[in-house]
Amino acid sequence: MDFVELKNFINNRMRMQHIYQPVMLKILLESDNNKASVRKIAHAFLQKDESQLEYYMQITKAMPGKVLSRHNVVHYESQNFILKVENLTPLERSDLIQLCEKKIVEYENARGRLIWQHRALEPKYVPGSLRYQVLKNAKFRCELCGISAEEKALDVDHITPRNKGGKTVFENLQALCYTCNAQKRDLDAFDFRPWKGIYGNMDMKCVFCNMELSSIKTKNSLALSFEDRYPVVNGHSLIAPIRQVGSFFDLGSAEQRACFILLEDTKRSVARKDPSVSGFNIGINDGTDAGQTILHCHIHLIPRRKGDVPDPRGGIRQIIPDKGF
């Protein structure tokens, strides 16, 4: 193959399902002899993988960053860690770097590959077709927290870990986001697949589940925002999960987060459209004894304006009359 043929392949014939082909060709073209090790190519893929980068950013802040800050060695400021050591000479800096490298080698020699076992690939690679089948069956959502693959990269997890005899077969695989998978580790054999589909549970007798699309102000994958049919003030809005669930405390963490995102978006929208809004009441009636009449969890966002009541002190504490002060 010559230059013209390779250029034609890249421009016209290369069918891509990921960035792997052009990244690999780029590494090979950048080498002096058109040759690169599998390790070097894999390292280039890793540099492009934002999910891996985000994982180690969390590790950086939660583990070494926290410990070194506690020992007053570094401090954290504006997304940067800063070494709290000043006036190092080049020789001193070099000496400290060598000492760190020595510590790394000593630890690696003592522990070997076990130090990376929590992020290691399965001893037997999950074939692409099987991986796709698992993700498709999970509707491309984490089967624990429900987050979409568009928001966070998904891993294919062995329900019964391989080190406990689990096989790489469809019935022993589930889709977990990389955070849930890392937290589960290889010590747990819990099957989260029965959770699959709960985020789509709806009751067509429920006024919120059966709502017309024209009534919805905004939505995301797990929650809706819409105007209250019987507003107590102009701009009174409701935020509710798409799933039919009665109590806020029965929502998954992904659903709570989705509701809070819409709550903030709706608050900004109301305030932008009506400059007279100077405050908000935010509340949830959870249970019939708390006044809940529609047994589909929802959050009230009630705009407040200066002078809308003679004395607003106490706010939601005045739910029970004369007990708010």
C-alpha atoms as a PDB file:
ATOM      1  CA  MET A   1       0.000   0.000   0.000  1.00  0.00           C
ATOM      2  CA  ASP A   2       1.355   3.448  -0.925  1.00  0.00           C
ATOM      3  CA  PHE A   3       0.530   6.969   0.227  1.00  0.00           C
ATOM      4  CA  VAL A   4      -2.376   7.418  -2.202  1.00  0.00           C
ATOM      5  CA  GLU A   5      -3.963   4.082  -1.241  1.00  0.00           C
ATOM      6  CA  LEU A   6      -3.668   4.714   2.493  1.00  0.00           C
ATOM      7  CA  LYS A   7      -5.068   8.238   2.121  1.00  0.00           C
ATOM      8  CA  ASN A   8      -7.992   6.845   0.134  1.00  0.00           C
ATOM      9  CA  PHE A   9      -8.584   4.184   2.808  1.00  0.00           C
ATOM     10  CA  ILE A  10      -8.645   6.782   5.608  1.00  0.00           C
ATOM     11  CA  ASN A  11     -10.823   9.218   3.673  1.00  0.00           C
ATOM     12  CA  ASN A  12     -13.278   6.851   2.018  1.00  0.00           C
ATOM     13  CA  ARG A  13     -13.070   3.202   3.095  1.00  0.00           C
ATOM     14  CA  MET A  14     -12.444   3.283   6.841  1.00  0.00           C
ATOM     15  CA  ARG A  15     -15.692   2.406   8.635  1.00  0.00           C
ATOM     16  CA  MET A  16     -15.493   3.534  12.268  1.00  0.00           C
ATOM     17  CA  GLN A  17     -17.375   2.282  15.320  1.00  0.00           C
ATOM     18  CA  HIS A  18     -14.864   4.021  17.606  1.00  0.00           C
ATOM     19  CA  ILE A  19     -11.715   6.157  17.411  1.00  0.00           C
ATOM     20  CA  TYR A  20      -9.450   3.103  17.574  1.00  0.00           C
ATOM     21  CA  GLN A  21      -8.457   2.845  13.887  1.00  0.00           C
ATOM     22  CA  PRO A  22      -7.312   6.452  13.332  1.00  0.00           C
ATOM     23  CA  VAL A  23      -5.587   6.574  16.733  1.00  0.00           C
ATOM     24  CA  MET A  24      -3.669   3.390  15.938  1.00  0.00           C
ATOM     25  CA  LEU A  25      -2.702   4.616  12.456  1.00  0.00           C
ATOM     26  CA  LYS A  26      -1.566   7.945  13.910  1.00  0.00           C
ATOM     27  CA  ILE A  27       0.736   6.197  16.408  1.00  0.00           C
ATOM     28  CA  LEU A  28       2.221   4.008  13.663  1.00  0.00           C
ATOM     29  CA  LEU A  29       2.722   6.993  11.340  1.00  0.00           C
ATOM     30  CA  GLU A  30       4.452   8.959  14.094  1.00  0.00           C
ATOM     31  CA  SER A  31       6.996   6.183  14.708  1.00  0.00           C
ATOM     32  CA  ASP A  32      10.326   6.177  12.860  1.00  0.00           C
ATOM     33  CA  ASN A  33       9.918   2.656  11.452  1.00  0.00           C
ATOM     34  CA  ASN A  34       6.120   2.308  11.092  1.00  0.00           C
ATOM     35  CA  LYS A  35       6.172   0.086  14.151  1.00  0.00           C
ATOM     36  CA  ALA A  36       4.623   0.410  17.631  1.00  0.00           C
ATOM     37  CA  SER A  37       4.056  -2.061  20.436  1.00  0.00           C
ATOM     38  CA  VAL A  38       0.571  -3.127  21.457  1.00  0.00           C
ATOM     39  CA  ARG A  39       1.263  -1.484  24.823  1.00  0.00           C
ATOM     40  CA  LYS A  40       2.062   1.864  23.203  1.00  0.00           C
ATOM     41  CA  ILE A  41      -1.093   1.778  21.075  1.00  0.00           C
ATOM     42  CA  ALA A  42      -3.215   0.770  24.067  1.00  0.00           C
ATOM     43  CA  HIS A  43      -1.686   3.669  26.032  1.00  0.00           C
ATOM     44  CA  ALA A  44      -2.820   6.046  23.271  1.00  0.00           C
ATOM     45  CA  PHE A  45      -6.379   4.715  23.585  1.00  0.00           C
ATOM     46  CA  LEU A  46      -6.206   5.226  27.345  1.00  0.00           C
ATOM     47  CA  GLN A  47      -5.215   8.878  26.891  1.00  0.00           C
ATOM     48  CA  LYS A  48      -8.401   9.419  24.872  1.00  0.00           C
ATOM     49  CA  ASP A  49     -10.679   7.661  27.384  1.00  0.00           C
ATOM     50  CA  GLU A  50     -12.410  10.400  29.394  1.00  0.00           C
ATOM     51  CA  SER A  51     -14.114   7.851  31.673  1.00  0.00           C
ATOM     52  CA  GLN A  52     -10.716   6.561  32.831  1.00  0.00           C
ATOM     53  CA  LEU A  53      -9.482  10.126  33.249  1.00  0.00           C
ATOM     54  CA  GLU A  54     -12.541  11.062  35.338  1.00  0.00           C
ATOM     55  CA  TYR A  55     -12.078   7.957  37.484  1.00  0.00           C
ATOM     56  CA  TYR A  56      -8.470   8.864  38.313  1.00  0.00           C
ATOM     57  CA  MET A  57      -9.395  12.515  38.903  1.00  0.00           C
ATOM     58  CA  GLN A  58     -11.753  11.249  41.622  1.00  0.00           C
ATOM     59  CA  ILE A  59      -8.977   8.995  42.975  1.00  0.00           C
ATOM     60  CA  THR A  60      -6.544  11.943  43.001  1.00  0.00           C
ATOM     61  CA  LYS A  61      -8.815  14.142  45.116  1.00  0.00           C
ATOM     62  CA  ALA A  62     -10.202  11.431  47.396  1.00  0.00           C
ATOM     63  CA  MET A  63      -7.028   9.499  48.220  1.00  0.00           C
ATOM     64  CA  PRO A  64      -3.509  10.956  47.792  1.00  0.00           C
ATOM     65  CA  GLY A  65      -4.793  14.534  47.621  1.00  0.00           C
ATOM     66  CA  LYS A  66      -6.716  14.186  50.876  1.00  0.00           C
ATOM     67  CA  VAL A  67      -3.868  12.440  52.726  1.00  0.00           C
ATOM     68  CA  LEU A  68      -1.139  14.808  51.532  1.00  0.00           C
ATOM     69  CA  SER A  69      -3.320  17.813  52.395  1.00  0.00           C
ATOM     70  CA  ARG A  70      -3.877  16.450  55.896  1.00  0.00           C
ATOM     71  CA  HIS A  71      -0.097  16.190  56.343  1.00  0.00           C
ATOM     72  CA  ASN A  72       0.305  19.780  55.095  1.00  0.00           C
ATOM     73  CA  VAL A  73       2.403  18.665  52.104  1.00  0.00           C
ATOM     74  CA  VAL A  74       0.038  20.017  49.431  1.00  0.00           C
ATOM     75  CA  HIS A  75      -3.012  22.244  49.242  1.00  0.00           C
ATOM     76  CA  TYR A  76      -5.890  22.335  46.751  1.00  0.00           C
ATOM     77  CA  GLU A  77      -6.909  25.518  44.981  1.00  0.00           C
ATOM     78  CA  SER A  78      -8.933  26.189  41.800  1.00  0.00           C
ATOM     79  CA  GLN A  79      -8.721  22.596  40.489  1.00  0.00           C
ATOM     80  CA  ASN A  80      -4.971  22.451  41.180  1.00  0.00           C
ATOM     81  CA  PHE A  81      -2.838  20.742  43.809  1.00  0.00           C
ATOM     82  CA  ILE A  82       0.111  22.872  44.907  1.00  0.00           C
ATOM     83  CA  LEU A  83       3.192  21.536  46.667  1.00  0.00           C
ATOM     84  CA  LYS A  84       3.739  23.495  49.869  1.00  0.00           C
ATOM     85  CA  VAL A  85       7.533  23.417  49.609  1.00  0.00           C
ATOM     86  CA  GLU A  86       9.411  26.488  48.455  1.00  0.00           C
ATOM     87  CA  ASN A  87      12.895  27.380  47.258  1.00  0.00           C
ATOM     88  CA  LEU A  88      13.946  23.909  46.127  1.00  0.00           C
ATOM     89  CA  THR A  89      17.232  23.829  44.230  1.00  0.00           C
ATOM     90  CA  PRO A  90      17.389  21.733  41.046  1.00  0.00           C
ATOM     91  CA  LEU A  91      19.581  19.213  42.897  1.00  0.00           C
ATOM     92  CA  GLU A  92      17.126  18.978  45.811  1.00  0.00           C
ATOM     93  CA  ARG A  93      14.203  18.579  43.392  1.00  0.00           C
ATOM     94  CA  SER A  94      16.046  15.814  41.525  1.00  0.00           C
ATOM     95  CA  ASP A  95      16.872  14.048  44.793  1.00  0.00           C
ATOM     96  CA  LEU A  96      13.224  14.096  45.881  1.00  0.00           C
ATOM     97  CA  ILE A  97      12.039  12.814  42.487  1.00  0.00           C
ATOM     98  CA  GLN A  98      14.469   9.881  42.720  1.00  0.00           C
ATOM     99  CA  LEU A  99      13.245   9.161  46.241  1.00  0.00           C
ATOM    100  CA  CYS A 100       9.628   9.054  44.985  1.00  0.00           C
ATOM    101  CA  GLU A 101      10.620   6.725  42.129  1.00  0.00           C
ATOM    102  CA  LYS A 102      12.397   4.468  44.653  1.00  0.00           C
ATOM    103  CA  LYS A 103       9.218   4.310  46.772  1.00  0.00           C
ATOM    104  CA  ILE A 104       7.162   3.395  43.679  1.00  0.00           C
ATOM    105  CA  VAL A 105       9.548   0.591  42.691  1.00  0.00           C
ATOM    106  CA  GLU A 106       9.660  -0.802  46.238  1.00  0.00           C
ATOM    107  CA  TYR A 107       5.860  -0.894  46.458  1.00  0.00           C
ATOM    108  CA  GLU A 108       5.469  -2.448  42.994  1.00  0.00           C
ATOM    109  CA  ASN A 109       8.073  -5.093  43.795  1.00  0.00           C
ATOM    110  CA  ALA A 110       6.302  -5.943  47.050  1.00  0.00           C
ATOM    111  CA  ARG A 111       2.738  -6.050  45.682  1.00  0.00           C
ATOM    112  CA  GLY A 112       3.123  -6.703  41.961  1.00  0.00           C
ATOM    113  CA  ARG A 113       0.052  -6.392  39.723  1.00  0.00           C
ATOM    114  CA  LEU A 114      -2.249  -6.659  42.736  1.00  0.00           C
ATOM    115  CA  ILE A 115      -2.051  -2.879  43.167  1.00  0.00           C
ATOM    116  CA  TRP A 116      -4.046  -2.455  39.925  1.00  0.00           C
ATOM    117  CA  GLN A 117      -6.398  -5.391  40.339  1.00  0.00           C
ATOM    118  CA  HIS A 118      -9.359  -3.106  41.051  1.00  0.00           C
ATOM    119  CA  ARG A 119      -9.108  -1.728  37.482  1.00  0.00           C
ATOM    120  CA  ALA A 120      -7.767  -4.802  35.693  1.00  0.00           C
ATOM    121  CA  LEU A 121      -9.492  -6.213  32.635  1.00  0.00           C
ATOM    122  CA  GLU A 122     -11.213  -9.541  32.996  1.00  0.00           C
ATOM    123  CA  PRO A 123      -8.806 -12.476  32.612  1.00  0.00           C
ATOM    124  CA  LYS A 124     -11.010 -13.474  29.710  1.00  0.00           C
ATOM    125  CA  TYR A 125     -11.970 -10.531  27.505  1.00  0.00           C
ATOM    126  CA  VAL A 126     -15.723  -9.966  27.090  1.00  0.00           C
ATOM    127  CA  PRO A 127     -16.339 -10.231  23.304  1.00  0.00           C
ATOM    128  CA  GLY A 128     -17.760  -7.143  21.638  1.00  0.00           C
ATOM    129  CA  SER A 129     -20.955  -8.860  20.498  1.00  0.00           C
ATOM    130  CA  LEU A 130     -21.656 -10.128  24.033  1.00  0.00           C
ATOM    131  CA  ARG A 131     -20.864  -6.721  25.523  1.00  0.00           C
ATOM    132  CA  TYR A 132     -23.306  -5.079  23.103  1.00  0.00           C
ATOM    133  CA  GLN A 133     -26.008  -7.623  23.985  1.00  0.00           C
ATOM    134  CA  VAL A 134     -25.589  -6.891  27.715  1.00  0.00           C
ATOM    135  CA  LEU A 135     -25.684  -3.100  27.226  1.00  0.00           C
ATOM    136  CA  LYS A 136     -28.660  -3.301  24.868  1.00  0.00           C
ATOM    137  CA  ASN A 137     -30.566  -5.489  27.320  1.00  0.00           C
ATOM    138  CA  ALA A 138     -29.887  -2.892  30.039  1.00  0.00           C
ATOM    139  CA  LYS A 139     -31.234  -0.152  27.748  1.00  0.00           C
ATOM    140  CA  PHE A 140     -27.772   1.449  27.931  1.00  0.00           C
ATOM    141  CA  ARG A 141     -28.244   2.366  31.605  1.00  0.00           C
ATOM    142  CA  CYS A 142     -26.406   1.328  34.729  1.00  0.00           C
ATOM    143  CA  GLU A 143     -28.433  -1.467  36.294  1.00  0.00           C
ATOM    144  CA  LEU A 144     -27.705  -0.096  39.787  1.00  0.00           C
ATOM    145  CA  CYS A 145     -27.954   3.708  39.726  1.00  0.00           C
ATOM    146  CA  GLY A 146     -29.788   4.059  36.391  1.00  0.00           C
ATOM    147  CA  ILE A 147     -27.449   6.642  34.867  1.00  0.00           C
ATOM    148  CA  SER A 148     -27.385   6.723  31.064  1.00  0.00           C
ATOM    149  CA  ALA A 149     -24.376   5.633  29.018  1.00  0.00           C
ATOM    150  CA  GLU A 150     -24.476   9.140  27.514  1.00  0.00           C
ATOM    151  CA  GLU A 151     -23.627  10.592  30.945  1.00  0.00           C
ATOM    152  CA  LYS A 152     -21.149   8.029  32.251  1.00  0.00           C
ATOM    153  CA  ALA A 153     -19.273   5.170  30.610  1.00  0.00           C
ATOM    154  CA  LEU A 154     -20.656   1.699  31.309  1.00  0.00           C
ATOM    155  CA  ASP A 155     -18.660  -1.415  32.186  1.00  0.00           C
ATOM    156  CA  VAL A 156     -19.797  -5.003  31.697  1.00  0.00           C
ATOM    157  CA  ASP A 157     -19.585  -6.576  35.142  1.00  0.00           C
ATOM    158  CA  HIS A 158     -19.386 -10.249  36.100  1.00  0.00           C
ATOM    159  CA  ILE A 159     -22.181 -10.777  38.664  1.00  0.00           C
ATOM    160  CA  THR A 160     -20.325 -13.698  40.210  1.00  0.00           C
ATOM    161  CA  PRO A 161     -16.676 -12.564  39.950  1.00  0.00           C
ATOM    162  CA  ARG A 162     -14.305 -14.666  37.879  1.00  0.00           C
ATOM    163  CA  ASN A 163     -12.100 -15.206  40.938  1.00  0.00           C
ATOM    164  CA  LYS A 164     -15.104 -16.934  42.516  1.00  0.00           C
ATOM    165  CA  GLY A 165     -15.811 -19.133  39.511  1.00  0.00           C
ATOM    166  CA  GLY A 166     -18.042 -16.771  37.517  1.00  0.00           C
ATOM    167  CA  LYS A 167     -18.186 -17.389  33.777  1.00  0.00           C
ATOM    168  CA  THR A 168     -18.109 -14.892  30.902  1.00  0.00           C
ATOM    169  CA  VAL A 169     -21.617 -15.749  29.725  1.00  0.00           C
ATOM    170  CA  PHE A 170     -24.661 -13.534  29.174  1.00  0.00           C
ATOM    171  CA  GLU A 171     -26.524 -14.726  32.252  1.00  0.00           C
ATOM    172  CA  ASN A 172     -23.581 -13.785  34.490  1.00  0.00           C
ATOM    173  CA  LEU A 173     -23.089 -10.276  33.067  1.00  0.00           C
ATOM    174  CA  GLN A 174     -24.709  -6.945  33.909  1.00  0.00           C
ATOM    175  CA  ALA A 175     -24.151  -3.323  32.899  1.00  0.00           C
ATOM    176  CA  LEU A 176     -22.790  -1.014  35.608  1.00  0.00           C
ATOM    177  CA  CYS A 177     -21.375   2.486  35.295  1.00  0.00           C
ATOM    178  CA  TYR A 178     -17.673   2.583  36.067  1.00  0.00           C
ATOM    179  CA  THR A 179     -18.327   4.145  39.488  1.00  0.00           C
ATOM    180  CA  CYS A 180     -20.793   1.457  40.617  1.00  0.00           C
ATOM    181  CA  ASN A 181     -18.558  -1.255  39.176  1.00  0.00           C
ATOM    182  CA  ALA A 182     -15.478   0.054  40.988  1.00  0.00           C
ATOM    183  CA  GLN A 183     -17.411   0.215  44.264  1.00  0.00           C
ATOM    184  CA  LYS A 184     -18.813  -3.308  43.830  1.00  0.00           C
ATOM    185  CA  ARG A 185     -15.305  -4.668  43.129  1.00  0.00           C
ATOM    186  CA  ASP A 186     -14.802  -8.429  42.882  1.00  0.00           C
ATOM    187  CA  LEU A 187     -16.006  -9.220  46.410  1.00  0.00           C
ATOM    188  CA  ASP A 188     -19.745  -9.032  45.760  1.00  0.00           C
ATOM    189  CA  ALA A 189     -21.976 -11.316  43.693  1.00  0.00           C
ATOM    190  CA  PHE A 190     -25.130  -9.167  43.871  1.00  0.00           C
ATOM    191  CA  ASP A 191     -27.333  -9.227  40.776  1.00  0.00           C
ATOM    192  CA  PHE A 192     -28.660  -5.744  39.991  1.00  0.00           C
ATOM    193  CA  ARG A 193     -30.485  -6.774  36.811  1.00  0.00           C
ATOM    194  CA  PRO A 194     -33.923  -6.964  38.486  1.00  0.00           C
ATOM    195  CA  TRP A 195     -33.543  -3.188  38.842  1.00  0.00           C
ATOM    196  CA  LYS A 196     -33.555  -2.905  35.048  1.00  0.00           C
ATOM    197  CA  GLY A 197     -36.711  -1.245  33.838  1.00  0.00           C
ATOM    198  CA  ILE A 198     -37.823   0.280  37.139  1.00  0.00           C
ATOM    199  CA  TYR A 199     -37.066   3.728  35.743  1.00  0.00           C
ATOM    200  CA  GLY A 200     -39.796   3.202  33.156  1.00  0.00           C
ATOM    201  CA  ASN A 201     -42.572   2.077  35.554  1.00  0.00           C
ATOM    202  CA  MET A 202     -45.689   4.161  34.886  1.00  0.00           C
ATOM    203  CA  ASP A 203     -49.378   4.041  35.832  1.00  0.00           C
ATOM    204  CA  MET A 204     -51.714   5.385  33.173  1.00  0.00           C
ATOM    205  CA  LYS A 205     -54.301   6.138  35.886  1.00  0.00           C
ATOM    206  CA  CYS A 206     -51.844   8.612  37.418  1.00  0.00           C
ATOM    207  CA  VAL A 207     -52.378  12.221  36.327  1.00  0.00           C
ATOM    208  CA  PHE A 208     -48.615  12.802  36.118  1.00  0.00           C
ATOM    209  CA  CYS A 209     -47.845   9.596  34.192  1.00  0.00           C
ATOM    210  CA  ASN A 210     -50.658  10.396  31.747  1.00  0.00           C
ATOM    211  CA  MET A 211     -49.694  14.021  31.233  1.00  0.00           C
ATOM    212  CA  GLU A 212     -49.898  15.571  27.765  1.00  0.00           C
ATOM    213  CA  LEU A 213     -46.548  16.459  26.256  1.00  0.00           C
ATOM    214  CA  SER A 214     -47.688  20.060  25.731  1.00  0.00           C
ATOM    215  CA  SER A 215     -47.955  20.468  29.525  1.00  0.00           C
ATOM    216  CA  ILE A 216     -44.290  19.616  30.110  1.00  0.00           C
ATOM    217  CA  LYS A 217     -41.984  22.644  30.354  1.00  0.00           C
ATOM    218  CA  THR A 218     -38.767  20.666  30.292  1.00  0.00           C
ATOM    219  CA  LYS A 219     -37.519  17.143  30.978  1.00  0.00           C
ATOM    220  CA  ASN A 220     -34.445  14.978  31.154  1.00  0.00           C
ATOM    221  CA  SER A 221     -34.043  11.222  31.010  1.00  0.00           C
ATOM    222  CA  LEU A 222     -35.551  10.605  34.475  1.00  0.00           C
ATOM    223  CA  ALA A 223     -37.632  13.648  35.469  1.00  0.00           C
ATOM    224  CA  LEU A 224     -40.179  16.230  34.296  1.00  0.00           C
ATOM    225  CA  SER A 225     -40.899  19.886  35.085  1.00  0.00           C
ATOM    226  CA  PHE A 226     -44.356  21.358  34.505  1.00  0.00           C
ATOM    227  CA  GLU A 227     -46.734  24.044  35.788  1.00  0.00           C
ATOM    228  CA  ASP A 228     -49.096  23.172  38.630  1.00  0.00           C
ATOM    229  CA  ARG A 229     -52.693  22.888  37.349  1.00  0.00           C
ATOM    230  CA  TYR A 230     -53.938  24.705  40.446  1.00  0.00           C
ATOM    231  CA  PRO A 231     -51.117  27.184  41.187  1.00  0.00           C
ATOM    232  CA  VAL A 232     -51.065  29.011  44.495  1.00  0.00           C
ATOM    233  CA  VAL A 233     -49.143  31.835  42.767  1.00  0.00           C
ATOM    234  CA  ASN A 234     -48.147  32.655  39.223  1.00  0.00           C
ATOM    235  CA  GLY A 235     -45.200  30.469  38.162  1.00  0.00           C
ATOM    236  CA  HIS A 236     -45.925  27.642  40.644  1.00  0.00           C
ATOM    237  CA  SER A 237     -44.145  24.610  39.130  1.00  0.00           C
ATOM    238  CA  LEU A 238     -43.793  20.920  39.904  1.00  0.00           C
ATOM    239  CA  ILE A 239     -40.808  18.644  39.354  1.00  0.00           C
ATOM    240  CA  ALA A 240     -41.491  14.909  39.326  1.00  0.00           C
ATOM    241  CA  PRO A 241     -39.693  11.694  38.399  1.00  0.00           C
ATOM    242  CA  ILE A 242     -40.930  10.031  35.220  1.00  0.00           C
ATOM    243  CA  ARG A 243     -41.243   6.741  37.091  1.00  0.00           C
ATOM    244  CA  GLN A 244     -44.385   6.124  39.132  1.00  0.00           C
ATOM    245  CA  VAL A 245     -43.159   6.186  42.724  1.00  0.00           C
ATOM    246  CA  GLY A 246     -44.964   7.628  45.723  1.00  0.00           C
ATOM    247  CA  SER A 247     -42.220   8.729  48.085  1.00  0.00           C
ATOM    248  CA  PHE A 248     -39.184  10.896  47.483  1.00  0.00           C
ATOM    249  CA  PHE A 249     -37.256   8.507  49.721  1.00  0.00           C
ATOM    250  CA  ASP A 250     -37.934   5.612  47.318  1.00  0.00           C
ATOM    251  CA  LEU A 251     -36.226   7.373  44.427  1.00  0.00           C
ATOM    252  CA  GLY A 252     -32.846   6.157  43.228  1.00  0.00           C
ATOM    253  CA  SER A 253     -29.895   8.523  43.526  1.00  0.00           C
ATOM    254  CA  ALA A 254     -29.915   9.107  39.761  1.00  0.00           C
ATOM    255  CA  GLU A 255     -33.599  10.088  39.908  1.00  0.00           C
ATOM    256  CA  GLN A 256     -33.036  12.465  42.835  1.00  0.00           C
ATOM    257  CA  ARG A 257     -30.179  14.088  40.955  1.00  0.00           C
ATOM    258  CA  ALA A 258     -32.334  14.399  37.812  1.00  0.00           C
ATOM    259  CA  CYS A 259     -35.082  16.093  39.846  1.00  0.00           C
ATOM    260  CA  PHE A 260     -32.639  18.511  41.475  1.00  0.00           C
ATOM    261  CA  ILE A 261     -31.169  19.455  38.083  1.00  0.00           C
ATOM    262  CA  LEU A 262     -34.661  20.321  36.772  1.00  0.00           C
ATOM    263  CA  LEU A 263     -35.479  22.133  40.017  1.00  0.00           C
ATOM    264  CA  GLU A 264     -32.521  24.440  39.504  1.00  0.00           C
ATOM    265  CA  ASP A 265     -33.234  24.881  35.775  1.00  0.00           C
ATOM    266  CA  THR A 266     -36.894  25.731  36.476  1.00  0.00           C
ATOM    267  CA  LYS A 267     -35.963  28.186  39.223  1.00  0.00           C
ATOM    268  CA  ARG A 268     -33.617  30.029  36.835  1.00  0.00           C
ATOM    269  CA  SER A 269     -36.284  30.066  34.107  1.00  0.00           C
ATOM    270  CA  VAL A 270     -38.982  31.476  36.421  1.00  0.00           C
ATOM    271  CA  ALA A 271     -36.664  34.146  37.834  1.00  0.00           C
ATOM    272  CA  ARG A 272     -35.510  35.160  34.353  1.00  0.00           C
ATOM    273  CA  LYS A 273     -39.067  35.555  33.038  1.00  0.00           C
ATOM    274  CA  ASP A 274     -40.385  37.433  36.085  1.00  0.00           C
ATOM    275  CA  PRO A 275     -38.027  39.956  37.712  1.00  0.00           C
ATOM    276  CA  SER A 276     -40.561  40.505  40.529  1.00  0.00           C
ATOM    277  CA  VAL A 277     -39.725  37.059  41.957  1.00  0.00           C
ATOM    278  CA  SER A 278     -37.516  37.606  45.010  1.00  0.00           C
ATOM    279  CA  GLY A 279     -37.629  34.198  46.731  1.00  0.00           C
ATOM    280  CA  PHE A 280     -38.882  30.624  46.522  1.00  0.00           C
ATOM    281  CA  ASN A 281     -40.562  28.029  48.703  1.00  0.00           C
ATOM    282  CA  ILE A 282     -39.480  24.482  47.877  1.00  0.00           C
ATOM    283  CA  GLY A 283     -41.406  21.601  49.405  1.00  0.00           C
ATOM    284  CA  ILE A 284     -42.473  17.962  49.161  1.00  0.00           C
ATOM    285  CA  ASN A 285     -45.643  16.442  50.596  1.00  0.00           C
ATOM    286  CA  ASP A 286     -44.520  12.893  51.350  1.00  0.00           C
ATOM    287  CA  GLY A 287     -47.408  10.673  52.456  1.00  0.00           C
ATOM    288  CA  THR A 288     -51.138  11.291  52.854  1.00  0.00           C
ATOM    289  CA  ASP A 289     -50.686  12.443  56.455  1.00  0.00           C
ATOM    290  CA  ALA A 290     -48.312  15.088  55.139  1.00  0.00           C
ATOM    291  CA  GLY A 291     -50.953  16.309  52.699  1.00  0.00           C
ATOM    292  CA  GLN A 292     -49.931  14.358  49.592  1.00  0.00           C
ATOM    293  CA  THR A 293     -52.996  13.955  47.343  1.00  0.00           C
ATOM    294  CA  ILE A 294     -51.343  12.703  44.133  1.00  0.00           C
ATOM    295  CA  LEU A 295     -49.336   9.623  45.051  1.00  0.00           C
ATOM    296  CA  HIS A 296     -46.619  10.298  42.502  1.00  0.00           C
ATOM    297  CA  CYS A 297     -43.644  11.990  44.130  1.00  0.00           C
ATOM    298  CA  HIS A 298     -43.323  15.671  43.177  1.00  0.00           C
ATOM    299  CA  ILE A 299     -41.493  18.766  44.367  1.00  0.00           C
ATOM    300  CA  HIS A 300     -43.288  22.119  44.607  1.00  0.00           C
ATOM    301  CA  LEU A 301     -41.362  25.185  43.445  1.00  0.00           C
ATOM    302  CA  ILE A 302     -43.373  28.249  44.538  1.00  0.00           C
ATOM    303  CA  PRO A 303     -42.088  31.693  43.532  1.00  0.00           C
ATOM    304  CA  ARG A 304     -42.432  34.409  46.165  1.00  0.00           C
ATOM    305  CA  ARG A 305     -42.650  38.150  45.676  1.00  0.00           C
ATOM    306  CA  LYS A 306     -42.114  40.969  48.135  1.00  0.00           C
ATOM    307  CA  GLY A 307     -45.430  41.807  49.803  1.00  0.00           C
ATOM    308  CA  ASP A 308     -47.329  38.753  48.499  1.00  0.00           C
ATOM    309  CA  VAL A 309     -48.386  38.059  52.117  1.00  0.00           C
ATOM    310  CA  PRO A 310     -48.371  40.496  55.072  1.00  0.00           C
ATOM    311  CA  ASP A 311     -45.737  38.560  57.044  1.00  0.00           C
ATOM    312  CA  PRO A 312     -43.780  35.773  55.302  1.00  0.00           C
ATOM    313  CA  ARG A 313     -41.728  34.851  58.380  1.00  0.00           C
ATOM    314  CA  GLY A 314     -41.621  31.108  59.080  1.00  0.00           C
ATOM    315  CA  GLY A 315     -42.241  30.076  55.480  1.00  0.00           C
ATOM    316  CA  ILE A 316     -42.974  26.359  55.312  1.00  0.00           C
ATOM    317  CA  ARG A 317     -42.833  26.162  59.117  1.00  0.00           C
ATOM    318  CA  GLN A 318     -46.328  27.666  59.013  1.00  0.00           C
ATOM    319  CA  ILE A 319     -47.747  24.457  57.529  1.00  0.00           C
ATOM    320  CA  ILE A 320     -49.027  23.755  61.029  1.00  0.00           C
ATOM    321  CA  PRO A 321     -50.756  27.023  62.048  1.00  0.00           C
ATOM    322  CA  ASP A 322     -49.320  29.019  64.932  1.00  0.00           C
ATOM    323  CA  LYS A 323     -46.266  26.723  65.212  1.00  0.00           C
ATOM    324  CA  GLY A 324     -43.955  28.589  62.850  1.00  0.00           C
ATOM    325  CA  PHE A 325     -42.333  31.057  65.248  1.00  0.00           C
END
